[in-house]
Structure formats: structure tokens, C-alpha cells
Amino acid sequence: MAENQKIFVLRVDVTHDNIQTSMKTQNVTPQEVIGFLEMAKDQILDNLKQGRKDVFQAFKKDDN
């Protein structure tokens, strides 16, 4: 793994009426985290405007 590789992982667990979040970061500034969250929010809102049910998109990272 490269030394300057950036990692941001956000996990949200929803069970009954309880929401639990956990976050892992590596080589990511707080400003970058906020930017990533804004990007995710924008993507979700765009998909909702288009009437899509799958508001989240996943992409496989190429190892090239």
C-alpha cells in the first residue's frame, strides 16, 4: 500500500430505531472528508431528482 494513499470509510448501521456511525480515515484532512460527504450528498440528490431507486452507486477500482 502506498504511503500517501488516502482512505475514507464511512459506515452507517441502522437497526430498528438506532443509527450508529463509524468512520476511518488515513491521510485525509478534515476538509477533504467534508468534500467527500458533499459529493456523496450531491450524488444522492441528483439520483433522487431523476427518480432513481438506487441512489447510491458503487465503482470497482481498477488496479492498473
N, C-alpha and C. Protein backbone atom coordinates (compact mmCIF):
# COMPACT_ATOMS: atom_id res chain seq x y z
N MET A 1 0.85 -1.17 0.00
CA MET A 1 0.00 0.00 0.00
C MET A 1 0.89 1.24 0.00
N ALA A 2 0.58 2.19 -0.84
CA ALA A 2 1.38 3.40 -0.95
C ALA A 2 1.25 4.23 0.32
N GLU A 3 2.35 4.91 0.67
CA GLU A 3 2.36 5.71 1.89
C GLU A 3 1.36 6.85 1.84
N ASN A 4 1.19 7.46 0.67
CA ASN A 4 0.31 8.62 0.58
C ASN A 4 -1.08 8.26 0.09
N GLN A 5 -1.44 6.99 0.14
CA GLN A 5 -2.79 6.57 -0.26
C GLN A 5 -3.80 7.15 0.72
N LYS A 6 -4.87 7.69 0.18
CA LYS A 6 -5.91 8.28 1.02
C LYS A 6 -7.07 7.31 1.16
N ILE A 7 -7.54 7.17 2.39
CA ILE A 7 -8.65 6.26 2.68
C ILE A 7 -9.67 7.01 3.52
N PHE A 8 -10.94 6.91 3.10
CA PHE A 8 -12.05 7.45 3.88
C PHE A 8 -13.18 6.43 3.81
N VAL A 9 -13.51 5.86 4.95
CA VAL A 9 -14.56 4.85 5.02
C VAL A 9 -15.59 5.32 6.04
N LEU A 10 -16.83 5.38 5.61
CA LEU A 10 -17.93 5.75 6.50
C LEU A 10 -18.91 4.60 6.52
N ARG A 11 -19.25 4.16 7.70
CA ARG A 11 -20.21 3.06 7.84
C ARG A 11 -21.38 3.54 8.68
N VAL A 12 -22.58 3.25 8.19
CA VAL A 12 -23.80 3.60 8.91
C VAL A 12 -24.60 2.33 9.11
N ASP A 13 -24.84 1.98 10.35
CA ASP A 13 -25.65 0.81 10.70
C ASP A 13 -26.99 1.30 11.23
N VAL A 14 -28.07 0.83 10.61
CA VAL A 14 -29.41 1.21 11.05
C VAL A 14 -30.13 -0.05 11.49
N THR A 15 -30.49 -0.09 12.75
CA THR A 15 -31.25 -1.22 13.29
C THR A 15 -32.39 -0.66 14.14
N HIS A 16 -33.59 -1.06 13.80
CA HIS A 16 -34.79 -0.60 14.50
C HIS A 16 -34.79 0.93 14.53
N ASP A 17 -34.75 1.53 15.69
CA ASP A 17 -34.74 2.99 15.81
C ASP A 17 -33.36 3.52 16.18
N ASN A 18 -32.33 2.74 15.93
CA ASN A 18 -30.99 3.11 16.33
C ASN A 18 -30.10 3.30 15.10
N ILE A 19 -29.37 4.40 15.04
CA ILE A 19 -28.42 4.66 13.96
C ILE A 19 -27.04 4.81 14.59
N GLN A 20 -26.10 4.00 14.07
CA GLN A 20 -24.74 4.04 14.59
C GLN A 20 -23.79 4.29 13.42
N THR A 21 -22.86 5.22 13.59
CA THR A 21 -21.90 5.51 12.53
C THR A 21 -20.49 5.28 13.03
N SER A 22 -19.62 4.90 12.11
CA SER A 22 -18.20 4.80 12.42
C SER A 22 -17.44 5.29 11.18
N MET A 23 -16.27 5.85 11.41
CA MET A 23 -15.51 6.44 10.33
C MET A 23 -14.03 6.09 10.51
N LYS A 24 -13.39 5.79 9.37
CA LYS A 24 -11.96 5.52 9.37
C LYS A 24 -11.33 6.42 8.30
N THR A 25 -10.26 7.11 8.66
CA THR A 25 -9.55 7.94 7.70
C THR A 25 -8.06 7.64 7.77
N GLN A 26 -7.42 7.82 6.64
CA GLN A 26 -5.96 7.68 6.59
C GLN A 26 -5.45 8.68 5.54
N ASN A 27 -4.59 9.58 5.96
CA ASN A 27 -4.01 10.61 5.09
C ASN A 27 -5.07 11.48 4.44
N VAL A 28 -6.16 11.74 5.15
CA VAL A 28 -7.25 12.58 4.64
C VAL A 28 -7.48 13.71 5.64
N THR A 29 -7.51 14.95 5.14
CA THR A 29 -7.75 16.09 6.01
C THR A 29 -9.24 16.22 6.30
N PRO A 30 -9.57 16.90 7.39
CA PRO A 30 -11.00 17.12 7.68
C PRO A 30 -11.72 17.85 6.54
N GLN A 31 -11.04 18.78 5.88
CA GLN A 31 -11.65 19.49 4.76
C GLN A 31 -11.96 18.53 3.62
N GLU A 32 -11.07 17.58 3.34
CA GLU A 32 -11.32 16.58 2.30
C GLU A 32 -12.51 15.70 2.66
N VAL A 33 -12.61 15.31 3.91
CA VAL A 33 -13.74 14.48 4.36
C VAL A 33 -15.05 15.22 4.11
N ILE A 34 -15.09 16.50 4.46
CA ILE A 34 -16.30 17.29 4.22
C ILE A 34 -16.60 17.33 2.72
N GLY A 35 -15.57 17.49 1.90
CA GLY A 35 -15.77 17.49 0.45
C GLY A 35 -16.32 16.17 -0.05
N PHE A 36 -15.80 15.06 0.46
CA PHE A 36 -16.30 13.74 0.05
C PHE A 36 -17.77 13.58 0.43
N LEU A 37 -18.12 14.02 1.64
CA LEU A 37 -19.51 13.91 2.08
C LEU A 37 -20.42 14.79 1.23
N GLU A 38 -19.95 15.97 0.85
CA GLU A 38 -20.74 16.85 -0.03
C GLU A 38 -20.95 16.20 -1.39
N MET A 39 -19.89 15.55 -1.92
CA MET A 39 -20.01 14.86 -3.21
C MET A 39 -21.04 13.75 -3.13
N ALA A 40 -21.00 12.97 -2.04
CA ALA A 40 -21.97 11.88 -1.87
C ALA A 40 -23.38 12.43 -1.76
N LYS A 41 -23.55 13.51 -1.02
CA LYS A 41 -24.87 14.13 -0.88
C LYS A 41 -25.38 14.60 -2.23
N ASP A 42 -24.53 15.25 -3.01
CA ASP A 42 -24.93 15.73 -4.33
C ASP A 42 -25.35 14.57 -5.24
N GLN A 43 -24.60 13.47 -5.18
CA GLN A 43 -24.92 12.30 -6.00
C GLN A 43 -26.28 11.73 -5.61
N ILE A 44 -26.54 11.64 -4.32
CA ILE A 44 -27.81 11.12 -3.84
C ILE A 44 -28.96 12.01 -4.28
N LEU A 45 -28.79 13.33 -4.12
CA LEU A 45 -29.85 14.26 -4.51
C LEU A 45 -30.10 14.22 -6.01
N ASP A 46 -29.03 14.12 -6.81
CA ASP A 46 -29.19 14.03 -8.26
C ASP A 46 -29.97 12.78 -8.66
N ASN A 47 -29.64 11.67 -8.03
CA ASN A 47 -30.34 10.42 -8.34
C ASN A 47 -31.80 10.47 -7.91
N LEU A 48 -32.08 11.13 -6.78
CA LEU A 48 -33.47 11.27 -6.35
C LEU A 48 -34.25 12.14 -7.32
N LYS A 49 -33.63 13.20 -7.82
CA LYS A 49 -34.29 14.08 -8.79
C LYS A 49 -34.63 13.32 -10.07
N GLN A 50 -33.80 12.34 -10.43
CA GLN A 50 -34.02 11.55 -11.63
C GLN A 50 -35.01 10.41 -11.38
N GLY A 51 -35.48 10.29 -10.15
CA GLY A 51 -36.45 9.26 -9.82
C GLY A 51 -35.85 7.88 -9.69
N ARG A 52 -34.54 7.82 -9.49
CA ARG A 52 -33.89 6.52 -9.37
C ARG A 52 -34.08 5.95 -7.97
N LYS A 53 -34.29 4.65 -7.93
CA LYS A 53 -34.42 3.97 -6.64
C LYS A 53 -33.06 3.65 -6.04
N ASP A 54 -32.08 3.40 -6.91
CA ASP A 54 -30.74 3.08 -6.42
C ASP A 54 -29.94 4.38 -6.32
N VAL A 55 -30.06 5.07 -5.19
CA VAL A 55 -29.47 6.39 -5.05
C VAL A 55 -27.96 6.32 -4.82
N PHE A 56 -27.45 5.16 -4.48
CA PHE A 56 -26.00 5.00 -4.30
C PHE A 56 -25.43 4.27 -5.49
N GLN A 57 -24.23 4.66 -5.88
CA GLN A 57 -23.53 3.99 -6.98
C GLN A 57 -22.20 3.46 -6.44
N ALA A 58 -21.84 2.28 -6.85
CA ALA A 58 -20.58 1.69 -6.44
C ALA A 58 -19.71 1.49 -7.68
N PHE A 59 -18.42 1.72 -7.52
CA PHE A 59 -17.48 1.56 -8.60
C PHE A 59 -16.33 0.69 -8.14
N LYS A 60 -15.90 -0.22 -9.01
CA LYS A 60 -14.76 -1.06 -8.70
C LYS A 60 -13.50 -0.33 -9.12
N LYS A 61 -12.54 -0.29 -8.23
CA LYS A 61 -11.27 0.38 -8.51
C LYS A 61 -10.43 -0.51 -9.43
N ASP A 62 -9.95 0.08 -10.53
CA ASP A 62 -9.05 -0.64 -11.43
C ASP A 62 -7.65 -0.66 -10.81
N ASP A 63 -6.97 -1.78 -10.90
CA ASP A 63 -5.63 -1.91 -10.35
C ASP A 63 -4.55 -1.62 -11.39
N ASN A 64 -4.87 -0.83 -12.41
CA ASN A 64 -3.89 -0.51 -13.46
C ASN A 64 -2.91 0.51 -13.00
